[in-house]
Amino acid sequence: MQQRIIGFDLARAYAIFGMFIVNFNFSFGSIMTPNEPIGHFLNIFTGNSTAIFIICAGMGVSLMTSKNGYSKEDKALLKSKILKRSLFLFTLGLLLYNWWSGDILHFYGGYMHLAAFLLFVPKRYYLWIAVATIIIFHILLFLIPIETSWDFTTFKYRDFWTPIGFLRNTFFNGWNSMFPWLSYFLVGMWLGKLNWNDKFIRQNIFLVGLFIFFLFQLIRFLAGQQYFSPFWSDYIMAEYFPPYLPFIMLTMGFALMVISFCMYIGELFSESRFILALQKTGQMTLSHYIIHLTIGMVLLAKLTNKNYTGLLEDEKPTLPIYILGYSILFYVFTVLFSVAWSERFKNGPLETVIRKISN
């Protein structure tokens, strides 16, 4: 299954690069009001990269349980391992939240916790539950105002550390709340159960993603041409927050295309040193996620002579070309670090810690 592993890690390597761009742009750029082509280009990564990151996380959980014939003891051991990892990620994410308000790790831990109880159900249920999470989110929209507790000038959540606020943020109106973002994780679990060595599966998943992506792009085009009422146009054109159905389907379709393409590239260039370097990068996404939000943010703050707050940029935005250039340069060093680290160690820094804790 070597080709599948390479392609899977290539998708994660792409996702972490996109998250570099999105997060650096959020803290220091003009993500809310881009006024030049490069600024709009940077915003393309918003949502798409996160979707791939979460889907790959779900795939990773499935790949841990991809064998047949598990005994009752084996299943209990795997469940325990995933629950321990979910607790570690949840705790790490909450600690990071004080530094980075857009943390995804505590949500990631929540997805994994629920996934631990779904490891060995037939894979079709992953898709049904994914649909259910999206429906539940839209039902909650009628019960709780989506803007509850949000300060949209800074994107700070006022009562995050209260019981009610924490639950509301975690399950409904946080950046990557369980409803509906768990749907991406569950789709990833479904994808992880497929035989990616079969070229027809790769082709079909790519074509499904292509169809979904262009269908909802067409719907958005019609919305832009005022074919719908203002209410429905706003619903169709919404980006990332709130994560309405059109946004979910667009990013889901894009993710299916990227993951399928990465699987193909992983098979075609499995001996390429460049591809193998990206594979090493994809294997350390947890470490790179933390590094770019700490060292990466501090370094960018120094270079731009700004104060890092972890919230939306409130000073004069850094030019998009500088954000893009810094993201690319930081990613190059990330790849070089991954290759150098892998020559001495089997797993990345935080990946080693999480394995020790969960084994």
Protein backbone atom coordinates (compact mmCIF):
# COMPACT_ATOMS: atom_id res chain seq x y z
CA MET A 1 0.00 0.00 0.00
CA GLN A 2 3.04 2.25 -0.39
CA GLN A 3 1.50 4.34 -3.17
CA ARG A 4 -1.58 5.01 -1.09
CA ILE A 5 0.53 6.13 1.86
CA ILE A 6 2.53 8.54 -0.30
CA GLY A 7 -0.58 10.08 -1.82
CA PHE A 8 -2.24 10.42 1.57
CA ASP A 9 0.77 12.28 2.96
CA LEU A 10 1.00 14.47 -0.14
CA ALA A 11 -2.55 15.63 0.51
CA ARG A 12 -1.63 16.47 4.09
CA ALA A 13 1.47 18.31 2.87
CA TYR A 14 -0.74 20.42 0.59
CA ALA A 15 -3.22 21.06 3.40
CA ILE A 16 -0.59 22.33 5.84
CA PHE A 17 0.81 24.69 3.18
CA GLY A 18 -2.67 26.11 2.66
CA MET A 19 -3.09 26.54 6.41
CA PHE A 20 0.18 28.50 6.52
CA ILE A 21 -1.27 30.94 4.00
CA VAL A 22 -4.67 31.21 5.67
CA ASN A 23 -3.40 31.67 9.22
CA PHE A 24 -0.56 34.06 8.39
CA ASN A 25 -3.01 36.08 6.29
CA PHE A 26 -5.62 36.08 9.07
CA SER A 27 -3.20 37.48 11.65
CA PHE A 28 -1.26 39.90 9.48
CA GLY A 29 -2.98 40.33 6.11
CA SER A 30 -6.27 41.61 4.70
CA ILE A 31 -8.30 38.41 4.66
CA MET A 32 -11.60 40.26 5.22
CA THR A 33 -11.20 42.96 2.58
CA PRO A 34 -8.70 41.95 -0.11
CA ASN A 35 -8.40 44.61 -2.77
CA GLU A 36 -5.91 43.11 -5.22
CA PRO A 37 -5.62 39.82 -7.18
CA ILE A 38 -3.04 38.21 -4.89
CA GLY A 39 -5.21 38.97 -1.87
CA HIS A 40 -8.13 37.20 -3.52
CA PHE A 41 -5.81 34.32 -4.44
CA LEU A 42 -4.80 33.90 -0.80
CA ASN A 43 -8.45 33.70 0.20
CA ILE A 44 -8.96 30.73 -2.13
CA PHE A 45 -7.14 28.60 0.46
CA THR A 46 -9.63 29.57 3.18
CA GLY A 47 -11.82 26.57 3.90
CA ASN A 48 -10.33 24.33 1.22
CA SER A 49 -7.14 23.64 3.17
CA THR A 50 -9.00 23.08 6.43
CA ALA A 51 -11.39 20.68 4.73
CA ILE A 52 -8.51 18.60 3.35
CA PHE A 53 -6.75 18.70 6.72
CA ILE A 54 -9.83 17.32 8.52
CA ILE A 55 -10.66 14.76 5.83
CA CYS A 56 -7.09 13.46 5.94
CA ALA A 57 -7.40 13.19 9.71
CA GLY A 58 -10.44 10.97 9.24
CA MET A 59 -8.60 8.91 6.65
CA GLY A 60 -5.73 8.45 9.09
CA VAL A 61 -8.07 6.99 11.71
CA SER A 62 -9.53 4.58 9.14
CA LEU A 63 -6.08 3.52 7.97
CA MET A 64 -5.24 2.56 11.55
CA THR A 65 -8.08 0.04 11.43
CA SER A 66 -7.88 -1.11 7.80
CA LYS A 67 -7.05 -4.76 8.47
CA ASN A 68 -9.56 -7.59 8.67
CA GLY A 69 -10.20 -10.09 11.42
CA TYR A 70 -9.68 -7.94 14.53
CA SER A 71 -10.36 -9.77 17.76
CA LYS A 72 -12.46 -8.19 20.50
CA GLU A 73 -9.25 -7.37 22.39
CA ASP A 74 -7.69 -5.79 19.28
CA LYS A 75 -10.73 -3.58 18.78
CA ALA A 76 -10.68 -2.47 22.41
CA LEU A 77 -6.96 -1.65 22.14
CA LEU A 78 -7.43 0.43 18.99
CA LYS A 79 -10.36 2.25 20.53
CA SER A 80 -8.31 3.03 23.63
CA LYS A 81 -5.40 4.27 21.50
CA ILE A 82 -7.60 6.67 19.53
CA LEU A 83 -9.35 7.92 22.68
CA LYS A 84 -5.97 8.70 24.25
CA ARG A 85 -4.88 10.57 21.13
CA SER A 86 -8.14 12.51 21.06
CA LEU A 87 -7.65 13.56 24.69
CA PHE A 88 -4.07 14.66 23.97
CA LEU A 89 -5.14 16.75 20.96
CA PHE A 90 -8.09 18.21 22.83
CA THR A 91 -5.88 19.29 25.74
CA LEU A 92 -3.12 20.60 23.49
CA GLY A 93 -5.67 22.58 21.49
CA LEU A 94 -7.17 24.22 24.57
CA LEU A 95 -3.71 25.25 25.73
CA LEU A 96 -2.98 26.65 22.27
CA TYR A 97 -6.31 28.52 22.21
CA ASN A 98 -4.90 31.11 24.60
CA TRP A 99 -2.30 31.89 21.95
CA TRP A 100 -4.23 31.19 18.74
CA SER A 101 -7.99 31.81 18.86
CA GLY A 102 -8.59 29.88 15.64
CA ASP A 103 -7.25 26.60 17.04
CA ILE A 104 -8.50 23.47 15.32
CA LEU A 105 -6.80 20.83 17.48
CA HIS A 106 -9.39 20.71 20.27
CA PHE A 107 -12.08 20.24 17.61
CA TYR A 108 -9.86 17.63 15.97
CA GLY A 109 -9.70 15.84 19.32
CA GLY A 110 -13.51 15.95 19.50
CA TYR A 111 -13.86 14.43 16.04
CA MET A 112 -11.47 11.62 16.99
CA HIS A 113 -13.28 10.97 20.26
CA LEU A 114 -16.57 10.34 18.46
CA ALA A 115 -14.78 8.39 15.73
CA ALA A 116 -13.42 5.95 18.32
CA PHE A 117 -16.97 4.64 18.81
CA LEU A 118 -17.54 4.24 15.05
CA LEU A 119 -14.35 2.43 14.07
CA PHE A 120 -15.84 -0.89 13.08
CA VAL A 121 -19.30 0.01 11.80
CA PRO A 122 -19.97 -0.51 8.05
CA LYS A 123 -18.43 2.37 6.12
CA ARG A 124 -21.75 3.47 4.58
CA TYR A 125 -22.80 4.71 8.03
CA TYR A 126 -19.99 7.27 7.94
CA LEU A 127 -21.73 9.03 5.06
CA TRP A 128 -25.17 8.85 6.67
CA ILE A 129 -23.86 10.32 9.93
CA ALA A 130 -21.98 12.99 7.96
CA VAL A 131 -25.25 14.04 6.34
CA ALA A 132 -26.91 14.04 9.76
CA THR A 133 -24.30 16.44 11.20
CA ILE A 134 -24.98 18.92 8.39
CA ILE A 135 -28.74 18.67 8.92
CA ILE A 136 -28.37 19.12 12.68
CA PHE A 137 -26.28 22.26 12.12
CA HIS A 138 -28.97 23.77 9.91
CA ILE A 139 -31.65 22.93 12.47
CA LEU A 140 -29.60 24.62 15.19
CA LEU A 141 -29.49 27.76 13.04
CA PHE A 142 -33.22 28.19 13.74
CA LEU A 143 -32.69 27.76 17.49
CA ILE A 144 -29.48 29.72 18.22
CA PRO A 145 -28.33 32.88 16.40
CA ILE A 146 -25.09 31.98 14.66
CA GLU A 147 -23.45 35.23 15.80
CA THR A 148 -24.03 34.48 19.51
CA SER A 149 -21.00 35.58 21.60
CA TRP A 150 -18.94 36.61 18.57
CA ASP A 151 -17.22 39.99 18.32
CA PHE A 152 -16.88 40.31 14.57
CA THR A 153 -14.47 43.22 14.78
CA THR A 154 -11.77 40.97 16.25
CA PHE A 155 -13.39 37.51 15.85
CA LYS A 156 -13.03 36.93 19.57
CA TYR A 157 -15.52 34.62 21.30
CA ARG A 158 -16.69 36.35 24.49
CA ASP A 159 -17.73 33.47 26.76
CA PHE A 160 -15.55 30.62 25.46
CA TRP A 161 -14.38 29.68 28.96
CA THR A 162 -17.87 29.36 30.44
CA PRO A 163 -19.67 25.97 30.37
CA ILE A 164 -22.50 27.17 28.11
CA GLY A 165 -20.21 29.19 25.87
CA PHE A 166 -17.72 26.35 25.52
CA LEU A 167 -20.43 23.84 24.56
CA ARG A 168 -22.03 26.29 22.12
CA ASN A 169 -18.68 27.05 20.51
CA THR A 170 -17.64 23.40 20.36
CA PHE A 171 -20.82 22.00 18.89
CA PHE A 172 -22.38 24.85 16.92
CA ASN A 173 -20.73 28.18 16.18
CA GLY A 174 -17.01 27.73 16.77
CA TRP A 175 -14.55 28.04 13.89
CA ASN A 176 -14.65 24.30 13.20
CA SER A 177 -17.51 23.18 15.43
CA MET A 178 -18.62 19.56 15.62
CA PHE A 179 -21.73 20.43 13.62
CA PRO A 180 -21.15 20.49 10.69
CA TRP A 181 -17.34 20.06 10.47
CA LEU A 182 -17.48 16.50 11.80
CA SER A 183 -18.94 15.64 8.37
CA TYR A 184 -15.52 16.17 6.78
CA PHE A 185 -13.89 13.82 9.28
CA LEU A 186 -16.52 11.14 8.64
CA VAL A 187 -16.16 11.45 4.87
CA GLY A 188 -12.43 11.01 5.46
CA MET A 189 -13.10 7.83 7.43
CA TRP A 190 -15.18 6.57 4.51
CA LEU A 191 -12.41 7.42 2.04
CA GLY A 192 -9.87 5.63 4.24
CA LYS A 193 -11.82 2.39 3.80
CA LEU A 194 -11.50 2.47 0.01
CA ASN A 195 -8.89 0.60 -2.00
CA TRP A 196 -6.85 3.48 -3.35
CA ASN A 197 -4.63 1.09 -5.30
CA ASP A 198 -7.57 0.67 -7.68
CA LYS A 199 -7.20 3.33 -10.38
CA PHE A 200 -10.94 3.26 -11.09
CA ILE A 201 -11.67 4.26 -7.50
CA ARG A 202 -9.23 7.16 -7.79
CA GLN A 203 -10.84 8.24 -11.05
CA ASN A 204 -14.38 7.95 -9.74
CA ILE A 205 -13.63 9.88 -6.55
CA PHE A 206 -11.97 12.61 -8.63
CA LEU A 207 -14.95 12.79 -11.00
CA VAL A 208 -17.42 12.92 -8.12
CA GLY A 209 -15.42 15.77 -6.59
CA LEU A 210 -15.25 17.54 -9.95
CA PHE A 211 -19.00 17.25 -10.45
CA ILE A 212 -19.83 18.53 -6.95
CA PHE A 213 -17.35 21.40 -7.22
CA PHE A 214 -18.54 22.69 -10.58
CA LEU A 215 -22.22 22.17 -9.74
CA PHE A 216 -21.97 24.44 -6.72
CA GLN A 217 -19.71 26.88 -8.55
CA LEU A 218 -22.46 27.14 -11.14
CA ILE A 219 -25.03 27.76 -8.42
CA ARG A 220 -22.77 30.48 -7.01
CA PHE A 221 -22.39 32.01 -10.45
CA LEU A 222 -26.17 32.17 -10.80
CA ALA A 223 -26.40 33.72 -7.33
CA GLY A 224 -23.92 36.37 -8.45
CA GLN A 225 -26.15 37.08 -11.44
CA GLN A 226 -29.08 37.68 -9.04
CA TYR A 227 -31.05 34.61 -10.09
CA PHE A 228 -32.04 34.12 -6.44
CA SER A 229 -33.52 36.29 -3.72
CA PRO A 230 -31.07 38.23 -1.50
CA PHE A 231 -31.62 35.72 1.33
CA TRP A 232 -30.67 32.71 -0.79
CA SER A 233 -27.83 34.56 -2.50
CA ASP A 234 -26.29 35.32 0.90
CA TYR A 235 -26.75 31.69 1.91
CA ILE A 236 -25.14 30.38 -1.28
CA MET A 237 -22.21 32.82 -1.25
CA ALA A 238 -21.30 32.43 2.45
CA GLU A 239 -17.64 31.49 3.08
CA TYR A 240 -16.30 29.44 6.01
CA PHE A 241 -18.48 31.08 8.63
CA PRO A 242 -21.26 30.22 8.77
CA PRO A 243 -20.43 26.91 7.02
CA TYR A 244 -23.68 26.55 5.10
CA LEU A 245 -24.34 23.60 2.79
CA PRO A 246 -23.02 25.24 -0.44
CA PHE A 247 -19.68 26.01 1.25
CA ILE A 248 -19.48 22.46 2.63
CA MET A 249 -20.17 20.90 -0.75
CA LEU A 250 -17.73 23.17 -2.58
CA THR A 251 -14.87 22.45 -0.20
CA MET A 252 -15.79 18.77 -0.07
CA GLY A 253 -15.69 18.53 -3.85
CA PHE A 254 -12.38 20.36 -4.02
CA ALA A 255 -10.92 18.07 -1.35
CA LEU A 256 -11.98 14.93 -3.23
CA MET A 257 -10.22 16.21 -6.35
CA VAL A 258 -7.02 17.13 -4.51
CA ILE A 259 -6.82 13.88 -2.55
CA SER A 260 -7.45 11.77 -5.66
CA PHE A 261 -4.85 13.75 -7.60
CA CYS A 262 -2.32 13.32 -4.79
CA MET A 263 -2.94 9.56 -4.80
CA TYR A 264 -2.23 9.52 -8.53
CA ILE A 265 0.93 11.61 -8.15
CA GLY A 266 2.09 9.42 -5.27
CA GLU A 267 1.83 6.35 -7.47
CA LEU A 268 3.33 7.95 -10.57
CA PHE A 269 6.36 9.53 -8.85
CA SER A 270 6.86 7.22 -5.89
CA GLU A 271 10.66 7.30 -6.35
CA SER A 272 10.99 11.07 -6.77
CA ARG A 273 13.13 12.72 -4.09
CA PHE A 274 10.93 15.81 -4.22
CA ILE A 275 7.75 13.78 -3.72
CA LEU A 276 9.34 11.80 -0.91
CA ALA A 277 10.37 15.07 0.76
CA LEU A 278 6.76 16.25 0.61
CA GLN A 279 5.70 12.88 2.00
CA LYS A 280 7.95 13.43 5.02
CA THR A 281 6.36 16.86 5.43
CA GLY A 282 2.87 15.39 5.34
CA GLN A 283 3.81 12.87 8.02
CA MET A 284 4.60 15.70 10.44
CA THR A 285 1.58 17.95 9.99
CA LEU A 286 0.80 18.07 13.71
CA SER A 287 4.28 19.37 14.50
CA HIS A 288 4.19 21.81 11.59
CA TYR A 289 0.80 23.09 12.66
CA ILE A 290 2.15 24.01 16.11
CA ILE A 291 5.45 25.34 14.76
CA HIS A 292 3.86 27.72 12.25
CA LEU A 293 1.46 29.09 14.90
CA THR A 294 4.29 29.76 17.34
CA ILE A 295 7.68 30.27 15.69
CA GLY A 296 6.09 31.21 12.38
CA MET A 297 3.80 33.85 13.88
CA VAL A 298 6.48 35.37 16.12
CA LEU A 299 8.96 35.57 13.26
CA LEU A 300 6.42 37.19 10.93
CA ALA A 301 5.49 39.70 13.65
CA LYS A 302 9.17 40.64 14.00
CA LEU A 303 9.66 40.96 10.25
CA THR A 304 6.58 43.19 9.87
CA ASN A 305 7.18 45.12 13.10
CA LYS A 306 3.70 44.27 14.39
CA ASN A 307 2.15 42.89 17.55
CA TYR A 308 0.84 39.36 17.36
CA THR A 309 -2.56 39.00 19.07
CA GLY A 310 -3.95 35.71 17.76
CA LEU A 311 -6.99 37.67 16.59
CA LEU A 312 -7.94 39.32 13.31
CA GLU A 313 -5.40 41.84 12.04
CA ASP A 314 -6.19 45.26 13.56
CA GLU A 315 -3.17 47.17 12.24
CA LYS A 316 -2.34 48.15 8.68
CA PRO A 317 -2.46 44.85 6.77
CA THR A 318 0.75 43.37 5.39
CA LEU A 319 0.71 43.27 1.59
CA PRO A 320 -0.59 39.96 0.19
CA ILE A 321 2.57 39.43 -1.86
CA TYR A 322 4.63 39.48 1.35
CA ILE A 323 2.23 37.05 3.05
CA LEU A 324 2.46 34.70 0.08
CA GLY A 325 6.25 35.01 -0.14
CA TYR A 326 6.68 34.40 3.58
CA SER A 327 4.34 31.39 3.47
CA ILE A 328 6.27 29.84 0.60
CA LEU A 329 9.63 30.48 2.26
CA PHE A 330 8.41 29.12 5.59
CA TYR A 331 7.09 26.05 3.81
CA VAL A 332 10.42 25.46 2.07
CA PHE A 333 12.16 25.46 5.45
CA THR A 334 9.39 23.19 6.75
CA VAL A 335 10.13 20.64 4.01
CA LEU A 336 13.89 20.85 4.65
CA PHE A 337 13.31 20.40 8.38
CA SER A 338 11.07 17.39 7.71
CA VAL A 339 13.71 15.69 5.58
CA ALA A 340 16.51 16.40 8.06
CA TRP A 341 14.41 15.24 11.02
CA SER A 342 13.33 12.02 9.28
CA GLU A 343 16.95 11.06 8.72
CA ARG A 344 17.37 10.67 12.48
CA PHE A 345 13.88 9.97 13.80
CA LYS A 346 10.99 7.83 12.60
CA ASN A 347 8.24 10.30 13.54
CA GLY A 348 7.95 14.07 13.93
CA PRO A 349 8.47 15.73 17.35
CA LEU A 350 4.82 15.91 18.44
CA GLU A 351 3.95 12.76 16.51
CA THR A 352 6.47 10.92 18.68
CA VAL A 353 4.91 12.33 21.86
CA ILE A 354 1.37 11.38 20.86
CA ARG A 355 2.46 7.85 19.96
CA LYS A 356 4.20 7.39 23.30
CA ILE A 357 1.14 8.64 25.17
CA SER A 358 -1.35 6.49 23.27
CA ASN A 359 0.62 3.22 23.07
